[in-house]
Amino acid sequence: MTTRLHLEDIIQPAALAFGARVKARRKVLGLTQTDIYKRTGIGIGYLSSIERGRANPTLDMMIKLSAALGLEIWDLLRPTDE
């Protein structure tokens, strides 16, 4: 019997938290994913994957996202309060 690995099984909590923070801040600012694309050059499909915690952006992308959202990178990376 072959065991299949599903994406949900390998998503990291840090990726989920980072993505949720990006999405929440984008919404607070009233920005669309297209607006973020225009500010960063990060494709809309990839941005969607980041926001859902299904992608691990590079450090350069994280810096671009934090700048586009008017945050310090630490605000997107900090551990959860749990």
C-alpha atoms as a PDB file:
ATOM      1  CA  MET A   1       0.000   0.000   0.000  1.00  0.00           C
ATOM      2  CA  THR A   2       1.358   3.401  -0.998  1.00  0.00           C
ATOM      3  CA  THR A   3       0.937   6.326   1.363  1.00  0.00           C
ATOM      4  CA  ARG A   4       0.244   9.601  -0.362  1.00  0.00           C
ATOM      5  CA  LEU A   5       1.518  12.823   1.055  1.00  0.00           C
ATOM      6  CA  HIS A   6      -0.980  15.659   0.901  1.00  0.00           C
ATOM      7  CA  LEU A   7      -0.040  19.331   0.929  1.00  0.00           C
ATOM      8  CA  GLU A   8      -2.076  19.828   4.082  1.00  0.00           C
ATOM      9  CA  ASP A   9       0.257  17.394   5.842  1.00  0.00           C
ATOM     10  CA  ILE A  10       3.386  19.463   5.190  1.00  0.00           C
ATOM     11  CA  ILE A  11       2.179  23.037   5.605  1.00  0.00           C
ATOM     12  CA  GLN A  12       4.222  24.728   8.283  1.00  0.00           C
ATOM     13  CA  PRO A  13       2.536  26.755  11.021  1.00  0.00           C
ATOM     14  CA  ALA A  14       4.922  29.646  10.307  1.00  0.00           C
ATOM     15  CA  ALA A  15       3.807  29.740   6.670  1.00  0.00           C
ATOM     16  CA  LEU A  16       0.162  29.792   7.751  1.00  0.00           C
ATOM     17  CA  ALA A  17       0.768  32.615  10.242  1.00  0.00           C
ATOM     18  CA  PHE A  18       2.815  34.642   7.753  1.00  0.00           C
ATOM     19  CA  GLY A  19       0.180  34.269   5.043  1.00  0.00           C
ATOM     20  CA  ALA A  20      -2.663  35.141   7.376  1.00  0.00           C
ATOM     21  CA  ARG A  21      -0.851  38.293   8.477  1.00  0.00           C
ATOM     22  CA  VAL A  22      -0.185  39.344   4.875  1.00  0.00           C
ATOM     23  CA  LYS A  23      -3.837  38.846   3.943  1.00  0.00           C
ATOM     24  CA  ALA A  24      -5.187  40.569   7.055  1.00  0.00           C
ATOM     25  CA  ARG A  25      -2.961  43.628   6.568  1.00  0.00           C
ATOM     26  CA  ARG A  26      -3.803  43.799   2.860  1.00  0.00           C
ATOM     27  CA  LYS A  27      -7.511  43.791   3.720  1.00  0.00           C
ATOM     28  CA  VAL A  28      -7.085  46.440   6.460  1.00  0.00           C
ATOM     29  CA  LEU A  29      -5.402  48.678   3.893  1.00  0.00           C
ATOM     30  CA  GLY A  30      -8.176  48.019   1.383  1.00  0.00           C
ATOM     31  CA  LEU A  31      -5.735  46.574  -1.147  1.00  0.00           C
ATOM     32  CA  THR A  32      -6.419  43.860  -3.673  1.00  0.00           C
ATOM     33  CA  GLN A  33      -3.990  41.173  -4.695  1.00  0.00           C
ATOM     34  CA  THR A  34      -3.599  43.116  -7.945  1.00  0.00           C
ATOM     35  CA  ASP A  35      -2.540  46.176  -5.948  1.00  0.00           C
ATOM     36  CA  ILE A  36       0.119  44.094  -4.187  1.00  0.00           C
ATOM     37  CA  TYR A  37       1.282  42.719  -7.543  1.00  0.00           C
ATOM     38  CA  LYS A  38       1.700  46.263  -8.851  1.00  0.00           C
ATOM     39  CA  ARG A  39       3.737  47.206  -5.770  1.00  0.00           C
ATOM     40  CA  THR A  40       5.901  44.079  -5.582  1.00  0.00           C
ATOM     41  CA  GLY A  41       5.842  42.194  -8.873  1.00  0.00           C
ATOM     42  CA  ILE A  42       4.774  39.060  -6.987  1.00  0.00           C
ATOM     43  CA  GLY A  43       2.259  37.214  -9.153  1.00  0.00           C
ATOM     44  CA  ILE A  44      -1.341  37.072  -7.992  1.00  0.00           C
ATOM     45  CA  GLY A  45      -1.440  33.258  -8.022  1.00  0.00           C
ATOM     46  CA  TYR A  46       1.721  33.038  -5.948  1.00  0.00           C
ATOM     47  CA  LEU A  47       0.474  35.748  -3.578  1.00  0.00           C
ATOM     48  CA  SER A  48      -2.710  33.747  -3.102  1.00  0.00           C
ATOM     49  CA  SER A  49      -0.610  30.687  -2.247  1.00  0.00           C
ATOM     50  CA  ILE A  50       1.377  32.743   0.272  1.00  0.00           C
ATOM     51  CA  GLU A  51      -1.795  34.069   1.900  1.00  0.00           C
ATOM     52  CA  ARG A  52      -3.147  30.520   2.248  1.00  0.00           C
ATOM     53  CA  GLY A  53       0.111  29.291   3.790  1.00  0.00           C
ATOM     54  CA  ARG A  54       0.826  27.029   0.859  1.00  0.00           C
ATOM     55  CA  ALA A  55       4.032  28.727  -0.271  1.00  0.00           C
ATOM     56  CA  ASN A  56       7.269  29.710   1.391  1.00  0.00           C
ATOM     57  CA  PRO A  57       8.327  33.046  -0.089  1.00  0.00           C
ATOM     58  CA  THR A  58      11.971  33.987  -0.381  1.00  0.00           C
ATOM     59  CA  LEU A  59      13.457  36.559   1.946  1.00  0.00           C
ATOM     60  CA  ASP A  60      13.410  39.094  -0.898  1.00  0.00           C
ATOM     61  CA  MET A  61       9.683  38.498  -1.399  1.00  0.00           C
ATOM     62  CA  MET A  62       9.025  38.839   2.325  1.00  0.00           C
ATOM     63  CA  ILE A  63      10.862  42.173   2.340  1.00  0.00           C
ATOM     64  CA  LYS A  64       8.862  43.384  -0.674  1.00  0.00           C
ATOM     65  CA  LEU A  65       5.599  42.312   0.949  1.00  0.00           C
ATOM     66  CA  SER A  66       6.379  43.994   4.259  1.00  0.00           C
ATOM     67  CA  ALA A  67       7.298  47.235   2.478  1.00  0.00           C
ATOM     68  CA  ALA A  68       4.153  47.099   0.316  1.00  0.00           C
ATOM     69  CA  LEU A  69       2.067  46.597   3.449  1.00  0.00           C
ATOM     70  CA  GLY A  70       3.814  49.329   5.438  1.00  0.00           C
ATOM     71  CA  LEU A  71       5.119  46.923   8.068  1.00  0.00           C
ATOM     72  CA  GLU A  72       8.471  45.852   9.402  1.00  0.00           C
ATOM     73  CA  ILE A  73       9.301  42.343   8.271  1.00  0.00           C
ATOM     74  CA  TRP A  74       9.262  41.262  11.931  1.00  0.00           C
ATOM     75  CA  ASP A  75       5.536  42.069  12.086  1.00  0.00           C
ATOM     76  CA  LEU A  76       4.925  39.347   9.501  1.00  0.00           C
ATOM     77  CA  LEU A  77       7.412  36.827  10.902  1.00  0.00           C
ATOM     78  CA  ARG A  78       6.955  37.045  14.654  1.00  0.00           C
ATOM     79  CA  PRO A  79       5.933  33.880  16.464  1.00  0.00           C
ATOM     80  CA  THR A  80       2.329  33.534  17.509  1.00  0.00           C
ATOM     81  CA  ASP A  81       1.336  34.473  21.038  1.00  0.00           C
ATOM     82  CA  GLU A  82       0.501  30.855  21.904  1.00  0.00           C
END
